[in-house]
């Protein structure tokens, strides 16, 4: 697979200062597939210092044409290593190769999304004339300027690592920021390979882009978030960690972008196409349910609950899992043993609190290696149960019955999260009316797909702050300055 084992600091691929490494483990087989540098505080300090120097002492933030050229080189370099990269991503995440191609977010699609930045960057308005104003006896012309935030800490998770690494780093770099990317410890190669591509394929100056991997993310993570030389933190992960980062970043009043957890509701109205609605429930098996926007609560009219319960297991029988390289698979293992035990713990809570187990609920007997959990469906779930309120991050679906449309909307919104959702109805106007009443950052109507480089993604409530991708995602990495010129 030819992975990259080194950190990328100040334009060079380097070992950790301590010489330490840690193993990268394939979650489908539990085998060690390689090693990666285990960074410590000295390495993080070097990375931050180089990013600060590159921002303060080079023209990276102001030379828009040069940045465009470098990002195009980065895209071309990623295309050149794409097939090798897919194998690495599949091996360290456990994601089936099928979703590393054009049918999923693990590799091909996020690399292709760089084209959006390259197409829109030359057209961006960096300065606009706000016109004349007469105040306090002075006539002034005002300019509104957009400038890079500065040094950005990009802290990313393990579920779709390349997608999120690029969704943060590409707009940050395009905006003129310099970057320190701290990868999730379980998926280090999805970040270190970016360092290699930057070095071998681009003219990006030393210090503009840096990559840190560490087995203990807390040690260097807090250092990165708290350092006064860092101007912004862009984080994707759990709500609990997001709260911690927000509190730590407040010490230096940094700008913070957070894309956090979700417990999204998929609302089937009584006139919905039952086959389409039930088929969409297979999304809880996509990458073993390890996605923040996956629709994990299915809200069904009580009058159609029995019909759904009869049909749903037949659909789930089509989900095959085992070898991530096999054709057509969408479900792989959970990322590690800790996550598998966490998911199994939630399944036991569901049983204990009175939900009825319709299918699954255990580790598959046919697989003695890997961190697998069977596709699991609970029914007769009430929205106050733990499995309806907390993000499980595994292949677990909760069926919640309701009596009328108003109750469905109330249940969908009765969550601390507000990341995504779905609604199914034969009446498009009705479906849109419901979608507009759900307090989430994204909604899918009758199976619509919002995922795209040009579409902003993010959440309401405790699902986060700000938006990723689209023009809104680019502007997250900009500051606004108003200049008044006396005339």
Protein backbone atom coordinates (compact mmCIF):
# COMPACT_ATOMS: atom_id res chain seq x y z
CA UNK A 1 0.00 0.00 0.00
CA UNK A 2 3.05 2.27 0.29
CA UNK A 3 1.71 4.40 3.18
CA UNK A 4 3.46 7.42 4.67
CA UNK A 5 4.73 6.85 8.22
CA UNK A 6 6.13 10.32 8.94
CA UNK A 7 4.87 13.62 10.23
CA UNK A 8 4.91 16.60 7.87
CA UNK A 9 6.40 19.69 9.51
CA UNK A 10 7.80 22.81 7.87
CA UNK A 11 7.86 21.22 4.42
CA UNK A 12 9.63 18.00 5.45
CA UNK A 13 8.53 14.44 6.15
CA UNK A 14 10.05 13.71 9.55
CA UNK A 15 9.97 11.15 12.34
CA UNK A 16 8.71 12.15 15.76
CA UNK A 17 11.40 13.92 17.80
CA UNK A 18 11.22 11.07 20.32
CA UNK A 19 11.59 8.44 17.59
CA UNK A 20 8.37 6.81 18.81
CA UNK A 21 5.86 5.15 16.52
CA UNK A 22 2.57 3.38 17.11
CA UNK A 23 0.78 0.59 15.19
CA UNK A 24 -1.99 1.15 12.66
CA UNK A 25 -4.57 -1.63 13.01
CA UNK A 26 -7.00 -2.93 10.41
CA UNK A 27 -10.40 -3.08 12.17
CA UNK A 28 -11.68 -5.78 9.82
CA UNK A 29 -8.89 -8.23 10.71
CA UNK A 30 -7.34 -6.82 13.92
CA UNK A 31 -3.96 -7.08 12.19
CA UNK A 32 -1.21 -4.48 12.42
CA UNK A 33 -0.84 -3.09 8.91
CA UNK A 34 1.96 -0.65 9.57
CA UNK A 35 3.23 2.07 11.83
CA UNK A 36 3.15 5.85 12.02
CA UNK A 37 5.03 8.54 13.91
CA UNK A 38 3.82 9.17 17.45
CA UNK A 39 4.18 12.93 17.90
CA UNK A 40 4.76 14.67 21.21
CA UNK A 41 4.70 18.27 22.44
CA UNK A 42 8.02 19.13 20.77
CA UNK A 43 6.68 18.07 17.37
CA UNK A 44 3.45 20.00 17.84
CA UNK A 45 5.38 23.10 18.88
CA UNK A 46 7.48 22.90 15.70
CA UNK A 47 4.36 22.49 13.55
CA UNK A 48 2.61 25.49 15.12
CA UNK A 49 5.74 27.63 14.87
CA UNK A 50 6.20 26.80 11.19
CA UNK A 51 2.56 27.55 10.40
CA UNK A 52 2.79 30.87 12.26
CA UNK A 53 5.98 31.84 10.44
CA UNK A 54 4.57 30.89 7.05
CA UNK A 55 1.50 33.02 7.62
CA UNK A 56 3.36 36.03 9.02
CA UNK A 57 6.43 36.06 6.79
CA UNK A 58 5.33 34.85 3.35
CA UNK A 59 2.80 36.12 0.81
CA UNK A 60 0.73 32.91 1.01
CA UNK A 61 -2.28 34.77 2.45
CA UNK A 62 -2.28 37.49 -0.24
CA UNK A 63 -1.06 35.74 -3.40
CA UNK A 64 -4.38 34.37 -4.62
CA UNK A 65 -3.12 33.17 -8.01
CA UNK A 66 -0.26 31.22 -6.43
CA UNK A 67 -2.61 29.51 -3.98
CA UNK A 68 -4.89 28.51 -6.85
CA UNK A 69 -1.93 26.97 -8.68
CA UNK A 70 -0.79 25.07 -5.59
CA UNK A 71 -4.27 23.67 -4.84
CA UNK A 72 -4.54 22.49 -8.44
CA UNK A 73 -1.19 20.72 -7.99
CA UNK A 74 -2.48 19.12 -4.81
CA UNK A 75 -5.58 17.87 -6.59
CA UNK A 76 -3.48 16.42 -9.42
CA UNK A 77 -1.16 14.76 -6.91
CA UNK A 78 -4.07 13.16 -5.10
CA UNK A 79 -5.45 11.89 -8.39
CA UNK A 80 -2.04 10.37 -9.16
CA UNK A 81 -1.96 8.36 -5.89
CA UNK A 82 -5.71 7.76 -5.69
CA UNK A 83 -5.76 4.00 -6.27
CA UNK A 84 -3.06 3.39 -3.68
CA UNK A 85 -4.77 5.81 -1.31
CA UNK A 86 -8.04 3.85 -1.53
CA UNK A 87 -6.33 0.70 -0.28
CA UNK A 88 -4.81 2.57 2.64
CA UNK A 89 -8.11 4.20 3.60
CA UNK A 90 -10.01 0.93 3.40
CA UNK A 91 -7.35 -0.86 5.43
CA UNK A 92 -7.21 1.64 8.30
CA UNK A 93 -10.91 2.54 8.48
CA UNK A 94 -12.40 -0.85 7.61
CA UNK A 95 -14.56 0.90 5.01
CA UNK A 96 -15.52 -1.30 2.06
CA UNK A 97 -13.68 -0.40 -1.13
CA UNK A 98 -17.08 0.18 -2.71
CA UNK A 99 -17.59 3.37 -0.68
CA UNK A 100 -14.05 4.53 -1.41
CA UNK A 101 -15.01 4.93 -5.06
CA UNK A 102 -17.62 7.11 -6.71
CA UNK A 103 -20.43 5.69 -4.57
CA UNK A 104 -19.13 6.93 -1.25
CA UNK A 105 -17.32 9.69 0.62
CA UNK A 106 -14.08 7.92 1.51
CA UNK A 107 -11.78 8.83 -1.41
CA UNK A 108 -12.84 9.58 -4.98
CA UNK A 109 -15.64 12.02 -4.21
CA UNK A 110 -13.76 14.28 -1.77
CA UNK A 111 -10.77 14.45 -4.13
CA UNK A 112 -13.16 15.46 -6.91
CA UNK A 113 -14.68 18.13 -4.65
CA UNK A 114 -11.42 20.12 -4.90
CA UNK A 115 -12.58 21.15 -8.38
CA UNK A 116 -15.32 23.24 -6.77
CA UNK A 117 -12.74 25.30 -4.90
CA UNK A 118 -10.63 25.71 -8.01
CA UNK A 119 -13.65 26.89 -10.00
CA UNK A 120 -14.94 29.36 -7.41
CA UNK A 121 -11.70 30.77 -5.97
CA UNK A 122 -10.86 33.03 -8.97
CA UNK A 123 -14.35 34.55 -8.81
CA UNK A 124 -14.36 35.33 -5.10
CA UNK A 125 -14.80 38.99 -4.15
CA UNK A 126 -11.95 39.80 -1.80
CA UNK A 127 -12.80 43.51 -1.62
CA UNK A 128 -16.00 45.47 -2.18
CA UNK A 129 -16.73 49.17 -2.15
CA UNK A 130 -19.37 49.99 0.47
CA UNK A 131 -19.77 53.50 -0.91
CA UNK A 132 -19.47 56.98 0.57
CA UNK A 133 -20.62 58.02 4.01
CA UNK A 134 -20.67 61.38 5.76
CA UNK A 135 -20.35 61.06 9.52
CA UNK A 136 -19.06 63.57 12.08
CA UNK A 137 -18.37 66.02 9.28
CA UNK A 138 -16.02 63.66 7.45
CA UNK A 139 -16.72 62.20 4.03
CA UNK A 140 -15.30 58.69 3.77
CA UNK A 141 -15.26 55.92 1.22
CA UNK A 142 -15.52 52.47 2.83
CA UNK A 143 -13.94 49.25 1.63
CA UNK A 144 -14.90 45.84 3.02
CA UNK A 145 -12.00 43.39 2.76
CA UNK A 146 -11.89 39.64 3.24
CA UNK A 147 -8.69 38.25 4.74
CA UNK A 148 -7.48 34.86 5.93
CA UNK A 149 -8.12 34.06 9.59
CA UNK A 150 -4.49 33.01 10.12
CA UNK A 151 -3.18 29.73 11.53
CA UNK A 152 -5.91 27.08 11.58
CA UNK A 153 -5.91 23.91 13.68
CA UNK A 154 -7.84 21.22 11.79
CA UNK A 155 -8.76 18.40 14.18
CA UNK A 156 -10.42 15.50 12.40
CA UNK A 157 -12.14 12.17 13.20
CA UNK A 158 -11.68 8.60 12.01
CA UNK A 159 -14.97 7.78 10.31
CA UNK A 160 -14.49 9.49 6.92
CA UNK A 161 -11.01 10.88 7.45
CA UNK A 162 -9.98 11.95 3.96
CA UNK A 163 -13.35 13.58 3.29
CA UNK A 164 -13.13 15.66 6.46
CA UNK A 165 -9.40 16.36 6.14
CA UNK A 166 -10.00 17.84 2.69
CA UNK A 167 -13.28 19.57 3.63
CA UNK A 168 -11.31 21.54 6.23
CA UNK A 169 -7.85 21.93 4.76
CA UNK A 170 -8.72 22.81 1.15
CA UNK A 171 -10.94 25.85 1.93
CA UNK A 172 -8.57 26.93 4.71
CA UNK A 173 -5.62 26.87 2.32
CA UNK A 174 -7.65 28.49 -0.44
CA UNK A 175 -8.62 31.30 1.94
CA UNK A 176 -4.94 31.99 2.60
CA UNK A 177 -4.64 30.32 6.00
CA UNK A 178 -1.82 28.07 7.11
CA UNK A 179 -2.79 24.73 8.61
CA UNK A 180 -1.83 22.25 11.30
CA UNK A 181 -3.81 19.07 10.67
CA UNK A 182 -4.08 16.78 13.68
CA UNK A 183 -5.32 13.43 12.51
CA UNK A 184 -7.40 10.92 14.45
CA UNK A 185 -5.08 8.29 15.96
CA UNK A 186 -7.03 5.41 14.39
CA UNK A 187 -6.68 6.71 10.82
CA UNK A 188 -3.27 8.41 10.57
CA UNK A 189 -2.38 7.49 6.98
CA UNK A 190 -5.35 9.47 5.62
CA UNK A 191 -3.48 12.55 6.86
CA UNK A 192 0.21 11.64 6.47
CA UNK A 193 -0.36 10.78 2.81
CA UNK A 194 -1.51 14.37 2.30
CA UNK A 195 1.85 15.54 3.62
CA UNK A 196 3.66 13.35 1.12
CA UNK A 197 1.54 14.61 -1.77
CA UNK A 198 2.11 18.23 -0.74
CA UNK A 199 5.86 17.66 -0.65
CA UNK A 200 6.17 15.64 -3.87
CA UNK A 201 3.57 17.28 -6.12
CA UNK A 202 3.14 20.91 -5.08
CA UNK A 203 4.91 24.23 -4.62
CA UNK A 204 3.17 24.88 -1.30
CA UNK A 205 5.80 26.69 0.80
CA UNK A 206 7.27 25.12 3.95
CA UNK A 207 5.08 25.67 7.00
CA UNK A 208 1.86 26.36 5.12
CA UNK A 209 0.62 22.80 5.68
CA UNK A 210 1.63 20.51 8.56
CA UNK A 211 0.45 17.06 9.66
CA UNK A 212 0.63 15.65 13.19
CA UNK A 213 -0.29 12.09 14.23
CA UNK A 214 -0.26 10.89 17.84
CA UNK A 215 -1.50 7.83 19.67
CA UNK A 216 -2.71 9.96 22.60
CA UNK A 217 -4.71 12.76 20.97
CA UNK A 218 -5.34 14.61 24.23
CA UNK A 219 -1.69 15.40 24.90
CA UNK A 220 -0.97 17.28 21.68
CA UNK A 221 -4.60 18.19 20.98
CA UNK A 222 -4.97 20.48 23.98
CA UNK A 223 -1.58 21.99 23.18
CA UNK A 224 -2.78 22.84 19.67
CA UNK A 225 -6.14 24.24 20.77
CA UNK A 226 -4.71 26.40 23.57
CA UNK A 227 -1.65 27.81 21.79
CA UNK A 228 -2.01 31.60 21.28
CA UNK A 229 -0.23 31.32 17.92
CA UNK A 230 -3.27 29.45 16.57
CA UNK A 231 -6.11 31.70 15.38
CA UNK A 232 -8.89 29.19 14.71
CA UNK A 233 -9.88 25.62 15.53
CA UNK A 234 -11.91 23.60 13.03
CA UNK A 235 -13.11 20.39 14.69
CA UNK A 236 -15.29 17.47 13.67
CA UNK A 237 -16.14 14.80 16.24
CA UNK A 238 -18.28 14.11 19.27
CA UNK A 239 -20.28 16.78 21.04
CA UNK A 240 -18.50 16.02 24.31
CA UNK A 241 -15.07 16.69 22.80
CA UNK A 242 -16.44 19.71 20.93
CA UNK A 243 -17.55 21.25 24.23
CA UNK A 244 -14.09 20.64 25.67
CA UNK A 245 -12.42 22.26 22.66
CA UNK A 246 -14.76 25.24 22.80
CA UNK A 247 -13.94 25.80 26.47
CA UNK A 248 -10.20 25.49 25.93
CA UNK A 249 -10.22 27.73 22.86
CA UNK A 250 -12.10 30.37 24.85
CA UNK A 251 -8.95 31.02 26.86
CA UNK A 252 -7.46 32.80 23.84
CA UNK A 253 -10.83 33.75 22.24
CA UNK A 254 -10.17 31.77 19.07
CA UNK A 255 -12.66 31.39 16.30
CA UNK A 256 -14.16 27.89 16.53
CA UNK A 257 -15.91 25.76 13.91
CA UNK A 258 -17.60 22.64 15.29
CA UNK A 259 -19.31 19.81 13.39
CA UNK A 260 -20.53 17.48 16.10
CA UNK A 261 -22.94 14.63 16.78
CA UNK A 262 -26.37 13.80 15.48
CA UNK A 263 -29.43 11.70 16.25
CA UNK A 264 -31.33 12.34 13.06
CA UNK A 265 -34.97 11.44 12.48
CA UNK A 266 -36.29 9.86 9.28
CA UNK A 267 -40.02 10.69 9.18
CA UNK A 268 -42.29 8.39 7.19
CA UNK A 269 -45.66 10.09 6.72
CA UNK A 270 -48.72 7.86 6.32
CA UNK A 271 -48.93 8.46 2.54
CA UNK A 272 -45.25 7.63 1.92
CA UNK A 273 -43.90 5.00 -0.45
CA UNK A 274 -43.07 2.35 2.13
CA UNK A 275 -40.45 0.63 -0.03
CA UNK A 276 -38.45 3.81 -0.50
CA UNK A 277 -38.72 4.80 3.14
CA UNK A 278 -37.68 1.37 4.42
CA UNK A 279 -34.87 1.09 1.88
CA UNK A 280 -33.45 4.36 3.18
CA UNK A 281 -33.11 2.73 6.61
CA UNK A 282 -30.22 0.65 5.27
CA UNK A 283 -28.21 3.84 5.72
CA UNK A 284 -27.61 2.79 9.35
CA UNK A 285 -25.38 0.04 7.93
CA UNK A 286 -23.37 2.43 5.75
CA UNK A 287 -19.80 2.21 7.08
CA UNK A 288 -21.29 0.31 10.07
CA UNK A 289 -23.35 3.33 11.06
CA UNK A 290 -20.26 5.44 11.75
CA UNK A 291 -21.61 8.68 10.36
CA UNK A 292 -22.86 11.72 12.24
CA UNK A 293 -25.65 12.48 9.75
CA UNK A 294 -27.00 8.93 9.42
CA UNK A 295 -30.77 8.72 10.02
CA UNK A 296 -30.91 6.51 13.10
CA UNK A 297 -34.47 7.23 14.28
CA UNK A 298 -37.27 5.98 11.99
CA UNK A 299 -40.56 7.68 12.84
CA UNK A 300 -43.52 5.65 11.53
CA UNK A 301 -47.28 6.18 11.75
CA UNK A 302 -48.63 3.80 14.35
CA UNK A 303 -51.14 2.61 11.75
CA UNK A 304 -48.29 1.39 9.49
CA UNK A 305 -45.89 0.12 12.16
CA UNK A 306 -46.68 -3.57 11.66
CA UNK A 307 -46.25 -3.19 7.89
CA UNK A 308 -42.83 -1.60 8.35
CA UNK A 309 -41.72 -4.24 10.86
CA UNK A 310 -42.65 -7.02 8.45
CA UNK A 311 -40.85 -5.49 5.47
CA UNK A 312 -37.74 -4.09 7.10
CA UNK A 313 -35.92 -7.37 7.97
CA UNK A 314 -36.20 -8.56 4.37
CA UNK A 315 -34.38 -5.42 3.22
CA UNK A 316 -31.68 -5.80 5.84
CA UNK A 317 -31.00 -9.36 4.68
CA UNK A 318 -29.32 -7.86 1.61
CA UNK A 319 -26.58 -6.31 3.77
CA UNK A 320 -23.46 -8.45 3.38
CA UNK A 321 -20.33 -7.91 5.42
CA UNK A 322 -17.00 -9.59 6.01
CA UNK A 323 -14.32 -8.74 3.46
CA UNK A 324 -14.20 -4.96 2.81
CA UNK A 325 -12.69 -5.61 -0.63
CA UNK A 326 -15.73 -7.62 -1.81
CA UNK A 327 -17.89 -6.00 -4.49
CA UNK A 328 -20.93 -3.97 -3.49
CA UNK A 329 -20.54 -4.01 0.29
CA UNK A 330 -21.50 -0.89 2.21
CA UNK A 331 -20.94 -2.22 5.72
CA UNK A 332 -17.58 -2.75 7.35
CA UNK A 333 -16.50 -3.20 10.96
CA UNK A 334 -16.48 -0.65 13.74
CA UNK A 335 -13.21 1.22 14.07
CA UNK A 336 -11.85 -0.49 17.19
CA UNK A 337 -12.69 -2.80 20.09
CA UNK A 338 -13.65 0.13 22.33
CA UNK A 339 -16.25 1.34 19.85
CA UNK A 340 -17.64 -2.17 19.39
CA UNK A 341 -18.12 -2.53 23.15
CA UNK A 342 -19.72 0.91 23.27
CA UNK A 343 -22.28 -0.06 20.61
CA UNK A 344 -23.01 -3.39 22.29
CA UNK A 345 -23.52 -1.50 25.54
CA UNK A 346 -26.16 0.71 23.89
CA UNK A 347 -27.91 -2.40 22.57
CA UNK A 348 -28.12 -3.80 26.10
CA UNK A 349 -29.52 -0.45 27.31
CA UNK A 350 -32.20 -0.64 24.63
CA UNK A 351 -33.27 -4.05 25.84
CA UNK A 352 -33.18 -3.01 29.50
CA UNK A 353 -35.32 0.09 28.89
CA UNK A 354 -38.08 -1.89 27.17
CA UNK A 355 -37.42 -1.53 23.45
CA UNK A 356 -38.25 -4.66 21.44
CA UNK A 357 -35.33 -6.14 19.49
CA UNK A 358 -36.54 -6.85 15.97
CA UNK A 359 -33.25 -8.18 14.57
CA UNK A 360 -29.51 -8.32 15.21
CA UNK A 361 -28.11 -7.16 18.52
CA UNK A 362 -24.87 -9.16 18.73
CA UNK A 363 -21.53 -9.82 17.12
CA UNK A 364 -21.80 -12.10 14.07
CA UNK A 365 -20.90 -15.72 14.84
CA UNK A 366 -19.43 -16.18 11.37
CA UNK A 367 -16.59 -13.69 11.97
CA UNK A 368 -14.00 -14.43 14.64
CA UNK A 369 -11.75 -11.48 13.76
CA UNK A 370 -12.56 -7.81 13.44
CA UNK A 371 -14.75 -5.36 15.33
CA UNK A 372 -18.14 -6.34 13.94
CA UNK A 373 -21.69 -5.79 15.17
CA UNK A 374 -24.75 -7.15 13.37
CA UNK A 375 -27.22 -4.71 11.78
CA UNK A 376 -29.60 -4.11 14.66
CA UNK A 377 -33.19 -2.85 14.71
CA UNK A 378 -35.25 -1.94 17.76
CA UNK A 379 -38.97 -1.20 17.65
CA UNK A 380 -41.50 0.09 20.17
CA UNK A 381 -38.92 2.72 21.04
CA UNK A 382 -40.02 5.85 22.87
CA UNK A 383 -38.12 9.07 22.39
CA UNK A 384 -37.03 9.21 26.03
CA UNK A 385 -35.05 5.97 25.77
CA UNK A 386 -31.25 6.15 25.69
CA UNK A 387 -31.05 4.60 22.22
CA UNK A 388 -33.34 7.38 20.92
CA UNK A 389 -31.44 10.22 22.53
CA UNK A 390 -27.72 9.42 22.41
CA UNK A 391 -25.51 9.04 19.36
CA UNK A 392 -24.55 5.36 19.11
CA UNK A 393 -22.28 5.51 16.03
CA UNK A 394 -23.03 1.94 15.06
CA UNK A 395 -25.45 -0.04 12.85
CA UNK A 396 -28.47 0.45 15.15
CA UNK A 397 -31.91 1.70 14.07
CA UNK A 398 -34.66 2.78 16.49
CA UNK A 399 -38.28 2.63 15.22
CA UNK A 400 -40.47 5.18 17.01
CA UNK A 401 -44.24 5.10 16.34
CA UNK A 402 -46.34 8.28 16.32
CA UNK A 403 -50.04 9.14 16.00
CA UNK A 404 -50.16 12.25 13.80
CA UNK A 405 -47.94 14.65 11.86
CA UNK A 406 -47.65 17.17 14.66
CA UNK A 407 -46.40 14.47 17.02
CA UNK A 408 -43.85 13.32 14.43
CA UNK A 409 -42.46 16.85 14.12
CA UNK A 410 -42.36 17.21 17.90
CA UNK A 411 -40.48 13.92 18.31
CA UNK A 412 -38.02 14.76 15.53
CA UNK A 413 -37.22 18.11 17.16
CA UNK A 414 -37.10 16.67 20.67
CA UNK A 415 -33.34 16.16 20.60
CA UNK A 416 -30.27 18.03 21.76
CA UNK A 417 -28.93 17.47 18.25
CA UNK A 418 -29.90 19.10 14.96
CA UNK A 419 -27.64 17.81 12.24
CA UNK A 420 -29.78 16.05 9.65
CA UNK A 421 -33.10 14.41 8.92
CA UNK A 422 -35.42 13.01 6.31
CA UNK A 423 -39.09 12.99 5.40
CA UNK A 424 -41.10 10.74 3.06
CA UNK A 425 -44.47 11.61 1.54
CA UNK A 426 -46.35 11.21 -1.74
CA UNK A 427 -47.24 14.90 -1.46
CA UNK A 428 -44.11 16.97 -2.16
CA UNK A 429 -45.55 20.19 -0.76
CA UNK A 430 -46.45 18.41 2.45
CA UNK A 431 -42.98 16.87 2.71
CA UNK A 432 -41.32 20.26 2.17
CA UNK A 433 -43.54 21.87 4.78
CA UNK A 434 -42.46 19.23 7.31
CA UNK A 435 -38.79 19.52 6.28
CA UNK A 436 -38.86 23.26 6.91
CA UNK A 437 -40.15 22.71 10.45
CA UNK A 438 -37.37 20.33 11.49
CA UNK A 439 -34.58 22.14 13.33
CA UNK A 440 -31.61 20.63 11.53
CA UNK A 441 -28.89 21.81 9.19
CA UNK A 442 -29.75 19.37 6.41
CA UNK A 443 -32.90 17.51 5.33
CA UNK A 444 -33.53 14.84 2.70
CA UNK A 445 -36.96 14.73 1.04
CA UNK A 446 -37.96 11.36 -0.44
CA UNK A 447 -34.35 10.21 -0.45
CA UNK A 448 -32.76 13.35 -1.85
CA UNK A 449 -28.97 13.66 -1.47
CA UNK A 450 -27.60 16.99 -0.24
CA UNK A 451 -23.96 15.85 -0.04
CA UNK A 452 -21.79 17.88 -2.40
CA UNK A 453 -18.87 20.29 -2.52
CA UNK A 454 -21.25 23.18 -3.21
CA UNK A 455 -23.73 22.39 -0.41
CA UNK A 456 -23.09 23.69 3.13
CA UNK A 457 -23.18 21.04 5.85
CA UNK A 458 -23.49 21.54 9.59
CA UNK A 459 -25.90 21.53 12.45
CA UNK A 460 -28.24 23.36 14.79
CA UNK A 461 -28.19 23.09 18.59
CA UNK A 462 -25.51 20.77 19.98
CA UNK A 463 -24.66 19.46 16.53
CA UNK A 464 -22.24 22.33 16.06
CA UNK A 465 -21.36 25.84 14.98
CA UNK A 466 -20.81 27.00 11.42
CA UNK A 467 -20.90 25.21 8.09
CA UNK A 468 -18.50 23.07 6.09
CA UNK A 469 -18.33 23.01 2.26
CA UNK A 470 -20.13 25.34 -0.10
CA UNK A 471 -19.47 29.10 -0.09
CA UNK A 472 -20.38 29.20 3.60
CA UNK A 473 -17.65 26.67 4.35
CA UNK A 474 -15.05 28.78 2.55
CA UNK A 475 -16.02 31.93 4.43
CA UNK A 476 -15.54 30.17 7.79
CA UNK A 477 -11.80 30.68 7.23
CA UNK A 478 -12.02 34.42 6.54
CA UNK A 479 -12.03 37.57 8.64
CA UNK A 480 -13.80 40.78 7.58
CA UNK A 481 -12.09 44.15 7.72
CA UNK A 482 -13.68 47.53 7.01
CA UNK A 483 -11.39 50.35 5.83
CA UNK A 484 -12.55 53.97 5.74
CA UNK A 485 -10.69 56.45 3.49
CA UNK A 486 -11.21 60.14 4.15
CA UNK A 487 -11.99 62.07 0.94
